[in-house]
Amino acid sequence: MNGIEPRTPLYAWGQHVVALDDLLNDGSHPERAVDALLAPRGAVGMVVNVGHATEVNEPVYLVEFDGCVVGCLELEIVATPDGWRPETDEAA
């Protein structure tokens, strides 16, 4: 370890977040083609795990978007605004 403390994550397990841009497969998602769309911009997902990329000292989030778990950096997601819910087929 280089003596630098890991940066504190902005988001927590169970928190809902929004994709800030189209999230494409960089090749790390084995069940999808490279460059396949994993989550479109504006998709709401839930953080299912939080890790840490030591080489860049950044938190890494596993976010489930409609059944597809995607690895995200903080610059790719944002917390859902208060009162914003994902669209569902259920009546509100």
Protein backbone atom coordinates (compact mmCIF):
# COMPACT_ATOMS: atom_id res chain seq x y z
CA MET A 1 0.00 0.00 0.00
CA ASN A 2 1.23 3.50 -0.77
CA GLY A 3 0.16 5.05 2.55
CA ILE A 4 -2.79 6.95 1.05
CA GLU A 5 -6.10 6.34 2.79
CA PRO A 6 -8.93 5.10 0.53
CA ARG A 7 -11.32 7.87 -0.44
CA THR A 8 -14.71 7.70 1.27
CA PRO A 9 -17.49 6.61 -1.13
CA LEU A 10 -20.26 9.10 -1.90
CA TYR A 11 -22.90 6.37 -2.30
CA ALA A 12 -23.90 3.44 -0.10
CA TRP A 13 -25.35 -0.05 -0.56
CA GLY A 14 -29.06 0.12 -1.30
CA GLN A 15 -28.95 3.73 -2.52
CA HIS A 16 -30.65 4.57 -5.81
CA VAL A 17 -28.54 6.32 -8.43
CA VAL A 18 -29.01 7.59 -11.99
CA ALA A 19 -26.73 6.88 -14.96
CA LEU A 20 -25.31 10.20 -16.21
CA ASP A 21 -24.52 8.81 -19.65
CA ASP A 22 -25.09 5.63 -21.64
CA LEU A 23 -23.12 2.88 -19.89
CA LEU A 24 -21.50 0.61 -22.46
CA ASN A 25 -19.72 -2.69 -22.00
CA ASP A 26 -15.97 -2.11 -21.98
CA GLY A 27 -15.43 -5.85 -22.25
CA SER A 28 -15.68 -6.55 -18.52
CA HIS A 29 -19.28 -7.80 -18.72
CA PRO A 30 -18.85 -11.31 -20.17
CA GLU A 31 -22.51 -11.92 -21.01
CA ARG A 32 -22.78 -8.90 -23.34
CA ALA A 33 -20.97 -7.87 -26.50
CA VAL A 34 -18.24 -5.24 -26.27
CA ASP A 35 -19.80 -1.77 -26.65
CA ALA A 36 -23.29 -3.16 -25.91
CA LEU A 37 -25.56 -0.79 -24.01
CA LEU A 38 -25.77 -1.93 -20.38
CA ALA A 39 -27.80 1.00 -19.04
CA PRO A 40 -29.08 4.06 -20.91
CA ARG A 41 -28.56 7.63 -19.73
CA GLY A 42 -31.17 8.43 -17.10
CA ALA A 43 -31.65 4.83 -16.00
CA VAL A 44 -32.21 4.40 -12.27
CA GLY A 45 -30.33 1.62 -10.53
CA MET A 46 -29.48 0.50 -7.02
CA VAL A 47 -26.00 0.20 -5.54
CA VAL A 48 -25.50 -3.48 -4.64
CA ASN A 49 -21.83 -3.33 -3.65
CA VAL A 50 -19.09 -0.78 -3.04
CA GLY A 51 -15.42 -1.52 -3.67
CA HIS A 52 -12.22 0.42 -4.18
CA ALA A 53 -9.87 0.77 -7.14
CA THR A 54 -6.50 1.13 -5.41
CA GLU A 55 -4.58 2.20 -8.53
CA VAL A 56 -6.70 5.37 -8.86
CA ASN A 57 -7.80 5.66 -5.20
CA GLU A 58 -11.48 5.79 -6.16
CA PRO A 59 -14.58 3.98 -5.00
CA VAL A 60 -16.12 1.58 -7.50
CA TYR A 61 -19.82 0.76 -7.36
CA LEU A 62 -21.70 -2.27 -8.59
CA VAL A 63 -25.08 -0.92 -9.63
CA GLU A 64 -28.04 -3.06 -10.71
CA PHE A 65 -29.91 -1.48 -13.61
CA ASP A 66 -32.98 -3.51 -14.60
CA GLY A 67 -31.32 -6.85 -13.79
CA CYS A 68 -27.90 -5.97 -15.24
CA VAL A 69 -25.11 -5.32 -12.73
CA VAL A 70 -22.68 -2.66 -13.97
CA GLY A 71 -19.40 -1.44 -12.46
CA CYS A 72 -19.52 2.36 -12.16
CA LEU A 73 -17.24 5.18 -11.07
CA GLU A 74 -18.62 8.26 -9.31
CA LEU A 75 -18.36 10.35 -12.48
CA GLU A 76 -20.83 7.99 -14.20
CA ILE A 77 -23.65 8.13 -11.63
CA VAL A 78 -25.48 10.58 -9.36
CA ALA A 79 -27.84 10.07 -6.43
CA THR A 80 -31.50 10.15 -7.40
CA PRO A 81 -33.13 13.45 -6.45
CA ASP A 82 -35.52 13.40 -3.49
CA GLY A 83 -38.97 12.26 -4.56
CA TRP A 84 -37.78 10.83 -7.90
CA ARG A 85 -38.87 7.25 -8.47
CA PRO A 86 -38.13 4.96 -11.39
CA GLU A 87 -41.07 4.53 -13.74
CA THR A 88 -43.00 1.34 -13.12
CA ASP A 89 -46.10 -0.32 -14.48
CA GLU A 90 -47.74 0.05 -11.09
CA ALA A 91 -50.11 2.90 -10.35
CA ALA A 92 -48.65 5.47 -7.96
